[in-house]
Amino acid sequence: QVHLVESGGGLVQPGGSLGLSCAASGTIISISAMGWYRQAPGKERESVAVISSGGSTNYGDSVKGRFTISRDNAKNMVYLQMNNLKPEDTAVYYCNAVAQSSRYFGNRAYWGQGTQVTISS
């Protein structure tokens, strides 16, 4: 099994910045895509940013130009730099990884426990 642990959440004023980190551990054969998702109270979980093993990225429309996703393949980590934060960004942010953990199975989706990000004045 692959374990994902997020860190870096907290309280930030509108217009501020915050960086999130996610570390993958456990039995890892390979990791393909990694990404960040978020869920606000009363809303469905949405994709924030995704990055492939080769470094190509895809961002949600609401965060384009403000957020940047990156990864360190050697460390099995993925990061999310969030700038010009808005109250609408308030949500629990979850780390996701599509990875192979067993020789008996192919890629599976794994999720972290989530970290709270609150944007408020």
C-alpha atoms as a PDB file:
ATOM      1  CA  GLN A   1       0.000   0.000   0.000  1.00  0.00           C
ATOM      2  CA  VAL A   2       1.065   3.572  -0.690  1.00  0.00           C
ATOM      3  CA  HIS A   3       0.677   6.131   2.080  1.00  0.00           C
ATOM      4  CA  LEU A   4       0.357   9.841   1.366  1.00  0.00           C
ATOM      5  CA  VAL A   5       0.802  12.512   4.016  1.00  0.00           C
ATOM      6  CA  GLU A   6       0.109  16.197   3.386  1.00  0.00           C
ATOM      7  CA  SER A   7       1.631  19.086   5.291  1.00  0.00           C
ATOM      8  CA  GLY A   8       1.689  22.867   5.127  1.00  0.00           C
ATOM      9  CA  GLY A   9      -1.949  23.790   5.615  1.00  0.00           C
ATOM     10  CA  GLY A  10      -2.990  26.698   7.775  1.00  0.00           C
ATOM     11  CA  LEU A  11      -4.657  30.087   8.016  1.00  0.00           C
ATOM     12  CA  VAL A  12      -3.708  32.800   5.529  1.00  0.00           C
ATOM     13  CA  GLN A  13      -5.128  36.235   4.749  1.00  0.00           C
ATOM     14  CA  PRO A  14      -6.543  36.970   1.283  1.00  0.00           C
ATOM     15  CA  GLY A  15      -3.744  37.735  -1.148  1.00  0.00           C
ATOM     16  CA  GLY A  16      -1.258  35.675   0.813  1.00  0.00           C
ATOM     17  CA  SER A  17       0.696  32.587  -0.146  1.00  0.00           C
ATOM     18  CA  LEU A  18       1.003  29.069   1.176  1.00  0.00           C
ATOM     19  CA  GLY A  19       2.943  25.987   0.152  1.00  0.00           C
ATOM     20  CA  LEU A  20       1.722  22.412   0.548  1.00  0.00           C
ATOM     21  CA  SER A  21       3.811  19.254   0.499  1.00  0.00           C
ATOM     22  CA  CYS A  22       2.889  15.605   0.118  1.00  0.00           C
ATOM     23  CA  ALA A  23       5.178  12.676   0.802  1.00  0.00           C
ATOM     24  CA  ALA A  24       4.516   9.202  -0.557  1.00  0.00           C
ATOM     25  CA  SER A  25       5.792   6.180   1.332  1.00  0.00           C
ATOM     26  CA  GLY A  26       5.169   2.465   1.742  1.00  0.00           C
ATOM     27  CA  THR A  27       5.537  -0.201  -0.905  1.00  0.00           C
ATOM     28  CA  ILE A  28       6.063   1.777  -4.096  1.00  0.00           C
ATOM     29  CA  ILE A  29       6.933   0.142  -7.375  1.00  0.00           C
ATOM     30  CA  SER A  30       6.192   3.229  -9.436  1.00  0.00           C
ATOM     31  CA  ILE A  31       4.204   6.453  -9.385  1.00  0.00           C
ATOM     32  CA  SER A  32       2.703   7.935 -12.513  1.00  0.00           C
ATOM     33  CA  ALA A  33       0.497  10.997 -11.986  1.00  0.00           C
ATOM     34  CA  MET A  34       0.302  12.966  -8.748  1.00  0.00           C
ATOM     35  CA  GLY A  35      -2.100  15.733  -7.925  1.00  0.00           C
ATOM     36  CA  TRP A  36      -3.982  17.938  -5.534  1.00  0.00           C
ATOM     37  CA  TYR A  37      -7.733  17.986  -4.984  1.00  0.00           C
ATOM     38  CA  ARG A  38      -9.833  20.054  -2.625  1.00  0.00           C
ATOM     39  CA  GLN A  39     -13.254  19.949  -1.052  1.00  0.00           C
ATOM     40  CA  ALA A  40     -15.056  22.873   0.554  1.00  0.00           C
ATOM     41  CA  PRO A  41     -18.058  22.477   2.888  1.00  0.00           C
ATOM     42  CA  GLY A  42     -21.186  21.698   0.903  1.00  0.00           C
ATOM     43  CA  LYS A  43     -19.276  21.266  -2.351  1.00  0.00           C
ATOM     44  CA  GLU A  44     -17.988  18.336  -4.357  1.00  0.00           C
ATOM     45  CA  ARG A  45     -14.316  17.449  -4.459  1.00  0.00           C
ATOM     46  CA  GLU A  46     -12.586  19.163  -7.368  1.00  0.00           C
ATOM     47  CA  SER A  47      -9.284  18.786  -9.132  1.00  0.00           C
ATOM     48  CA  VAL A  48      -6.805  21.566  -8.373  1.00  0.00           C
ATOM     49  CA  ALA A  49      -3.663  20.488 -10.199  1.00  0.00           C
ATOM     50  CA  VAL A  50      -2.182  17.328 -11.669  1.00  0.00           C
ATOM     51  CA  ILE A  51       1.363  16.551 -12.764  1.00  0.00           C
ATOM     52  CA  SER A  52       2.592  13.558 -14.751  1.00  0.00           C
ATOM     53  CA  SER A  53       5.769  11.605 -14.142  1.00  0.00           C
ATOM     54  CA  GLY A  54       7.291  13.507 -17.058  1.00  0.00           C
ATOM     55  CA  GLY A  55       6.396  16.892 -15.606  1.00  0.00           C
ATOM     56  CA  SER A  56       3.426  17.948 -17.715  1.00  0.00           C
ATOM     57  CA  THR A  57       0.783  19.823 -15.713  1.00  0.00           C
ATOM     58  CA  ASN A  58      -2.932  20.491 -15.763  1.00  0.00           C
ATOM     59  CA  TYR A  59      -4.686  23.067 -13.572  1.00  0.00           C
ATOM     60  CA  GLY A  60      -8.250  23.725 -12.612  1.00  0.00           C
ATOM     61  CA  ASP A  61      -9.666  26.868 -14.193  1.00  0.00           C
ATOM     62  CA  SER A  62     -10.125  28.621 -10.859  1.00  0.00           C
ATOM     63  CA  VAL A  63      -6.437  28.349  -9.906  1.00  0.00           C
ATOM     64  CA  LYS A  64      -4.661  28.907 -13.215  1.00  0.00           C
ATOM     65  CA  GLY A  65      -2.031  31.595 -12.928  1.00  0.00           C
ATOM     66  CA  ARG A  66      -2.056  31.452  -9.137  1.00  0.00           C
ATOM     67  CA  PHE A  67      -1.055  27.899  -8.183  1.00  0.00           C
ATOM     68  CA  THR A  68       1.970  25.893  -9.261  1.00  0.00           C
ATOM     69  CA  ILE A  69       2.382  22.141  -8.895  1.00  0.00           C
ATOM     70  CA  SER A  70       5.763  20.426  -8.910  1.00  0.00           C
ATOM     71  CA  ARG A  71       7.250  17.089  -7.923  1.00  0.00           C
ATOM     72  CA  ASP A  72      10.487  15.441  -6.934  1.00  0.00           C
ATOM     73  CA  ASN A  73      10.486  11.922  -8.341  1.00  0.00           C
ATOM     74  CA  ALA A  74      13.589  10.890  -6.415  1.00  0.00           C
ATOM     75  CA  LYS A  75      11.910  11.812  -3.123  1.00  0.00           C
ATOM     76  CA  ASN A  76       8.395  10.674  -4.089  1.00  0.00           C
ATOM     77  CA  MET A  77       7.027  14.082  -3.202  1.00  0.00           C
ATOM     78  CA  VAL A  78       4.629  16.528  -4.799  1.00  0.00           C
ATOM     79  CA  TYR A  79       4.188  20.194  -3.939  1.00  0.00           C
ATOM     80  CA  LEU A  80       1.616  22.907  -4.443  1.00  0.00           C
ATOM     81  CA  GLN A  81       2.606  26.558  -4.256  1.00  0.00           C
ATOM     82  CA  MET A  82      -0.468  28.732  -3.805  1.00  0.00           C
ATOM     83  CA  ASN A  83      -0.245  32.481  -4.426  1.00  0.00           C
ATOM     84  CA  ASN A  84      -2.786  35.314  -4.355  1.00  0.00           C
ATOM     85  CA  LEU A  85      -5.094  33.211  -2.236  1.00  0.00           C
ATOM     86  CA  LYS A  86      -8.798  33.982  -2.148  1.00  0.00           C
ATOM     87  CA  PRO A  87     -11.522  33.111   0.379  1.00  0.00           C
ATOM     88  CA  GLU A  88     -12.942  30.735  -2.246  1.00  0.00           C
ATOM     89  CA  ASP A  89      -9.760  28.661  -1.929  1.00  0.00           C
ATOM     90  CA  THR A  90     -10.752  27.645   1.602  1.00  0.00           C
ATOM     91  CA  ALA A  91     -11.065  23.859   1.647  1.00  0.00           C
ATOM     92  CA  VAL A  92      -9.507  20.618   2.744  1.00  0.00           C
ATOM     93  CA  TYR A  93      -6.724  19.826   0.290  1.00  0.00           C
ATOM     94  CA  TYR A  94      -6.003  16.206  -0.540  1.00  0.00           C
ATOM     95  CA  CYS A  95      -2.939  14.701  -2.137  1.00  0.00           C
ATOM     96  CA  ASN A  96      -3.472  12.038  -4.781  1.00  0.00           C
ATOM     97  CA  ALA A  97      -1.136   9.589  -6.476  1.00  0.00           C
ATOM     98  CA  VAL A  98      -1.700   7.017  -9.194  1.00  0.00           C
ATOM     99  CA  ALA A  99       0.783   4.324  -8.287  1.00  0.00           C
ATOM    100  CA  GLN A 100       1.652   0.658  -8.479  1.00  0.00           C
ATOM    101  CA  SER A 101       2.223  -0.941  -5.088  1.00  0.00           C
ATOM    102  CA  SER A 102       1.949  -4.658  -5.818  1.00  0.00           C
ATOM    103  CA  ARG A 103       3.256  -6.940  -8.539  1.00  0.00           C
ATOM    104  CA  TYR A 104      -0.196  -8.527  -8.657  1.00  0.00           C
ATOM    105  CA  PHE A 105      -1.995  -5.322  -9.572  1.00  0.00           C
ATOM    106  CA  GLY A 106      -1.515  -2.348 -11.828  1.00  0.00           C
ATOM    107  CA  ASN A 107      -1.924   1.320 -11.001  1.00  0.00           C
ATOM    108  CA  ARG A 108      -4.336   2.375  -8.289  1.00  0.00           C
ATOM    109  CA  ALA A 109      -5.394   5.731  -6.907  1.00  0.00           C
ATOM    110  CA  TYR A 110      -4.200   6.593  -3.401  1.00  0.00           C
ATOM    111  CA  TRP A 111      -5.258   9.491  -1.210  1.00  0.00           C
ATOM    112  CA  GLY A 112      -3.833  11.399   1.718  1.00  0.00           C
ATOM    113  CA  GLN A 113      -5.766  12.350   4.840  1.00  0.00           C
ATOM    114  CA  GLY A 114      -6.132  15.980   3.810  1.00  0.00           C
ATOM    115  CA  THR A 115      -4.910  19.268   5.222  1.00  0.00           C
ATOM    116  CA  GLN A 116      -7.059  22.303   6.023  1.00  0.00           C
ATOM    117  CA  VAL A 117      -6.398  25.548   4.182  1.00  0.00           C
ATOM    118  CA  THR A 118      -8.350  28.566   5.393  1.00  0.00           C
ATOM    119  CA  ILE A 119      -8.263  31.979   3.711  1.00  0.00           C
ATOM    120  CA  SER A 120      -9.785  34.633   5.925  1.00  0.00           C
ATOM    121  CA  SER A 121      -9.242  38.198   7.034  1.00  0.00           C
END
